[in-house]
Amino acid sequence: MGQDFRIMSGIQVFGLTLQEPYLEPEKQIEPPDQSSMLRMAVFVEGGMGLLAIGLGYLFGYHPLTMIHVEMDRWPDLLGLVAILPMFLFFLLIGKLNLEPFRLLRSRLDQVILPLFRGLYLSDLFWLSLLAGVGEELLFRGFLHLWLADWLGIPAAVLLTATLFGLVHWVTPMYALIAGLMGLLLSMSLLYTDNLLVAILIHGLYDFLALWYYLRVVHRAGPAEES
């Protein structure tokens, strides 16, 4: 068969269909492997959101009530400017020729590239948004509030950011960067008092970072997007 042949069966995840990725034959990993990894990623991210809601009802915190979509809350969206320094720093990671950053780039090539290579932009968008929803419900929507009541806001911000960095451990440098981004996300919540802003910052940053890494750096999109 020619190299233009592609499978359109799709990957079913929680009722959503992620289109089966087209990959160059010499670069392709087995579709079941990528499919299972994507299902696990969706399960983990979605599970974080469900865990946050469950813990919220158990301990008296309700993350969903912190999401405000009222028209008079539109100035909250000014907090989205936080995406800019986060994305610029991501671009800087690819330019710095220091050992921690070289190691980080190598690990991203080993972990992120096989997982997301060949996916369509729409799939990357929804996966990124799911990560923003699930992680922000847990870290900013529940954990931040719970710790703030026990230890005060400064300690809550620092501890939440530290845990956020640890669960994103790929390399020590990546954990540090994720922790700093966690600080920024917590500050956005304190500034706007609207969890929707943190969700959008997180999700849109993830999407921009994946787009740049996969499409610009590695040109690892489907054939018709290449």
Protein backbone atom coordinates (compact mmCIF):
# COMPACT_ATOMS: atom_id res chain seq x y z
CA MET A 1 0.00 0.00 0.00
CA GLY A 2 1.09 3.58 -0.57
CA GLN A 3 2.16 5.85 2.23
CA ASP A 4 -1.05 7.90 1.92
CA PHE A 5 -3.10 5.07 3.46
CA ARG A 6 -4.51 5.96 6.88
CA ILE A 7 -6.94 4.37 9.33
CA MET A 8 -10.02 6.41 10.29
CA SER A 9 -11.39 4.10 12.99
CA GLY A 10 -10.60 6.53 15.83
CA ILE A 11 -9.89 6.03 19.50
CA GLN A 12 -12.96 5.94 21.74
CA VAL A 13 -12.32 7.70 25.06
CA PHE A 14 -15.22 8.36 27.47
CA GLY A 15 -17.62 8.69 24.53
CA LEU A 16 -15.30 11.03 22.59
CA THR A 17 -13.54 9.98 19.41
CA LEU A 18 -9.90 10.89 18.93
CA GLN A 19 -8.97 10.36 15.30
CA GLU A 20 -6.42 7.62 14.80
CA PRO A 21 -3.10 9.38 14.08
CA TYR A 22 -1.32 9.03 10.77
CA LEU A 23 2.40 8.47 11.24
CA GLU A 24 5.27 8.00 8.86
CA PRO A 25 5.88 4.22 8.65
CA GLU A 26 9.46 4.47 9.85
CA LYS A 27 8.46 6.61 12.82
CA GLN A 28 5.25 4.85 13.78
CA ILE A 29 4.71 3.16 17.12
CA GLU A 30 2.04 0.50 17.36
CA PRO A 31 -1.43 2.18 17.45
CA PRO A 32 -2.62 0.06 20.43
CA ASP A 33 0.35 1.32 22.46
CA GLN A 34 -0.41 4.96 21.73
CA SER A 35 -4.14 4.36 22.20
CA SER A 36 -3.62 2.79 25.62
CA MET A 37 -1.31 5.62 26.68
CA LEU A 38 -3.86 8.21 25.60
CA ARG A 39 -6.64 6.40 27.43
CA MET A 40 -4.50 6.34 30.55
CA ALA A 41 -3.78 10.08 30.19
CA VAL A 42 -7.50 10.83 29.85
CA PHE A 43 -8.31 8.56 32.79
CA VAL A 44 -5.74 10.26 35.03
CA GLU A 45 -6.69 13.83 34.08
CA GLY A 46 -10.41 13.16 34.27
CA GLY A 47 -9.91 11.24 37.49
CA MET A 48 -8.23 14.25 39.08
CA GLY A 49 -11.32 16.33 38.42
CA LEU A 50 -13.66 13.69 39.82
CA LEU A 51 -11.40 13.26 42.85
CA ALA A 52 -11.49 17.01 43.49
CA ILE A 53 -15.29 17.07 43.36
CA GLY A 54 -15.53 14.03 45.65
CA LEU A 55 -13.07 15.43 48.18
CA GLY A 56 -14.83 18.77 48.00
CA TYR A 57 -18.16 17.28 49.03
CA LEU A 58 -16.45 15.20 51.72
CA PHE A 59 -14.60 18.12 53.32
CA GLY A 60 -17.04 20.92 52.55
CA TYR A 61 -15.25 22.56 49.62
CA HIS A 62 -16.94 22.76 46.25
CA PRO A 63 -14.54 23.49 43.36
CA LEU A 64 -17.29 23.83 40.77
CA THR A 65 -18.77 26.82 42.62
CA MET A 66 -15.51 28.68 42.02
CA ILE A 67 -16.06 28.65 38.25
CA HIS A 68 -17.76 31.90 37.26
CA VAL A 69 -19.11 32.50 33.76
CA GLU A 70 -21.34 35.48 34.47
CA MET A 71 -21.14 38.32 31.96
CA ASP A 72 -20.04 40.81 34.60
CA ARG A 73 -16.98 38.64 35.31
CA TRP A 74 -15.43 39.17 31.88
CA PRO A 75 -12.60 41.36 33.32
CA ASP A 76 -11.37 38.17 35.02
CA LEU A 77 -10.19 37.02 31.59
CA LEU A 78 -7.45 39.64 31.74
CA GLY A 79 -5.70 37.06 33.88
CA LEU A 80 -5.08 35.08 30.70
CA VAL A 81 -2.06 37.30 30.08
CA ALA A 82 -0.27 34.84 32.38
CA ILE A 83 -0.07 32.51 29.39
CA LEU A 84 2.49 34.83 27.76
CA PRO A 85 5.38 34.47 30.24
CA MET A 86 4.69 30.74 30.58
CA PHE A 87 4.87 30.15 26.83
CA LEU A 88 7.90 32.41 26.39
CA PHE A 89 9.71 30.42 29.06
CA PHE A 90 8.80 27.20 27.24
CA LEU A 91 10.37 28.64 24.09
CA LEU A 92 13.46 29.51 26.11
CA ILE A 93 13.82 25.89 27.22
CA GLY A 94 14.49 24.91 23.63
CA LYS A 95 17.26 27.48 23.26
CA LEU A 96 19.33 27.11 26.43
CA ASN A 97 22.33 24.83 25.98
CA LEU A 98 22.68 23.91 29.66
CA GLU A 99 22.76 20.31 30.87
CA PRO A 100 19.45 20.43 32.83
CA PHE A 101 17.65 21.77 29.76
CA ARG A 102 19.33 19.29 27.40
CA LEU A 103 18.22 16.48 29.70
CA LEU A 104 14.71 17.90 29.79
CA ARG A 105 14.51 18.09 26.00
CA SER A 106 15.74 14.51 25.75
CA ARG A 107 13.11 13.27 28.21
CA LEU A 108 10.35 15.15 26.40
CA ASP A 109 11.43 13.44 23.18
CA GLN A 110 11.19 10.08 24.94
CA VAL A 111 7.88 10.66 26.73
CA ILE A 112 5.82 13.34 24.99
CA LEU A 113 6.70 12.68 21.37
CA PRO A 114 5.54 9.02 21.25
CA LEU A 115 2.36 9.87 23.15
CA PHE A 116 1.14 12.79 21.04
CA ARG A 117 2.89 12.39 17.68
CA GLY A 118 0.45 12.29 14.78
CA LEU A 119 -2.59 13.57 16.67
CA TYR A 120 -4.78 16.24 15.11
CA LEU A 121 -4.85 19.75 16.53
CA SER A 122 -8.45 19.26 17.64
CA ASP A 123 -7.40 16.21 19.65
CA LEU A 124 -4.51 18.12 21.23
CA PHE A 125 -6.90 20.93 22.14
CA TRP A 126 -9.42 18.71 23.92
CA LEU A 127 -6.72 16.75 25.72
CA SER A 128 -5.11 20.01 26.86
CA LEU A 129 -8.44 21.39 28.03
CA LEU A 130 -9.14 18.19 29.96
CA ALA A 131 -5.77 18.53 31.69
CA GLY A 132 -6.60 22.11 32.61
CA VAL A 133 -9.99 21.18 34.02
CA GLY A 134 -8.91 18.08 35.93
CA GLU A 135 -5.70 19.43 37.43
CA GLU A 136 -7.05 22.86 38.32
CA LEU A 137 -10.14 21.43 40.00
CA LEU A 138 -7.86 19.34 42.20
CA PHE A 139 -4.93 21.67 42.88
CA ARG A 140 -6.50 25.13 42.88
CA GLY A 141 -10.17 24.20 43.35
CA PHE A 142 -9.72 21.88 46.32
CA LEU A 143 -6.17 21.57 47.64
CA HIS A 144 -5.42 25.30 47.66
CA LEU A 145 -8.62 26.09 49.57
CA TRP A 146 -8.20 23.24 52.03
CA LEU A 147 -4.60 24.16 52.84
CA ALA A 148 -5.45 27.87 53.05
CA ASP A 149 -7.99 27.20 55.80
CA TRP A 150 -5.46 25.12 57.72
CA LEU A 151 -2.20 26.98 57.13
CA GLY A 152 -3.04 30.35 55.59
CA ILE A 153 -2.79 31.56 52.02
CA PRO A 154 1.02 31.94 51.66
CA ALA A 155 1.68 28.39 52.86
CA ALA A 156 -1.19 27.06 50.76
CA VAL A 157 0.22 28.67 47.62
CA LEU A 158 3.72 27.29 48.25
CA LEU A 159 2.59 23.78 49.17
CA THR A 160 0.14 23.55 46.28
CA ALA A 161 2.82 24.67 43.83
CA THR A 162 5.31 22.19 45.30
CA LEU A 163 2.90 19.27 44.96
CA PHE A 164 1.98 20.46 41.47
CA GLY A 165 5.64 20.34 40.50
CA LEU A 166 6.17 16.89 42.02
CA VAL A 167 3.29 15.26 40.14
CA HIS A 168 4.76 16.68 36.91
CA TRP A 169 8.19 15.17 37.61
CA VAL A 170 9.89 14.27 34.34
CA THR A 171 13.26 15.67 35.36
CA PRO A 172 14.19 17.84 38.38
CA MET A 173 14.21 20.89 36.10
CA TYR A 174 10.76 20.09 34.72
CA ALA A 175 9.39 19.69 38.25
CA LEU A 176 10.87 23.07 39.20
CA ILE A 177 9.36 24.73 36.13
CA ALA A 178 5.96 23.13 36.79
CA GLY A 179 6.13 24.32 40.39
CA LEU A 180 6.79 27.89 39.27
CA MET A 181 3.87 27.66 36.86
CA GLY A 182 1.78 26.36 39.75
CA LEU A 183 2.65 29.53 41.66
CA LEU A 184 1.48 31.61 38.72
CA LEU A 185 -1.77 29.65 38.48
CA SER A 186 -2.42 30.09 42.20
CA MET A 187 -1.78 33.82 41.88
CA SER A 188 -4.27 34.00 39.02
CA LEU A 189 -6.87 32.44 41.30
CA LEU A 190 -6.09 34.89 44.10
CA TYR A 191 -6.26 37.81 41.67
CA THR A 192 -9.52 36.87 39.93
CA ASP A 193 -11.26 34.61 42.48
CA ASN A 194 -12.38 32.65 39.42
CA LEU A 195 -11.18 29.09 38.86
CA LEU A 196 -12.19 29.34 35.19
CA VAL A 197 -9.23 31.64 34.57
CA ALA A 198 -6.73 29.13 35.98
CA ILE A 199 -8.36 26.36 33.93
CA LEU A 200 -8.10 28.39 30.72
CA ILE A 201 -4.51 29.46 31.42
CA HIS A 202 -3.50 25.86 32.09
CA GLY A 203 -5.37 24.36 29.14
CA LEU A 204 -4.36 26.98 26.58
CA TYR A 205 -0.73 26.89 27.70
CA ASP A 206 -0.65 23.10 27.35
CA PHE A 207 -2.15 23.39 23.87
CA LEU A 208 0.31 26.06 22.73
CA ALA A 209 3.25 24.11 24.14
CA LEU A 210 2.15 20.87 22.45
CA TRP A 211 1.47 22.69 19.18
CA TYR A 212 4.92 24.27 19.16
CA TYR A 213 6.74 21.13 20.28
CA LEU A 214 4.97 18.77 17.88
CA ARG A 215 4.31 20.99 14.86
CA VAL A 216 7.21 23.47 14.87
CA VAL A 217 10.05 21.56 16.52
CA HIS A 218 9.35 18.02 15.32
CA ARG A 219 6.80 18.53 12.51
CA ALA A 220 5.05 15.46 13.87
CA GLY A 221 1.50 16.13 12.72
CA PRO A 222 -0.80 14.11 10.46
CA ALA A 223 0.14 14.01 6.79
CA GLU A 224 -2.37 16.63 5.68
CA GLU A 225 -1.16 19.10 8.34
CA SER A 226 2.53 18.64 7.52
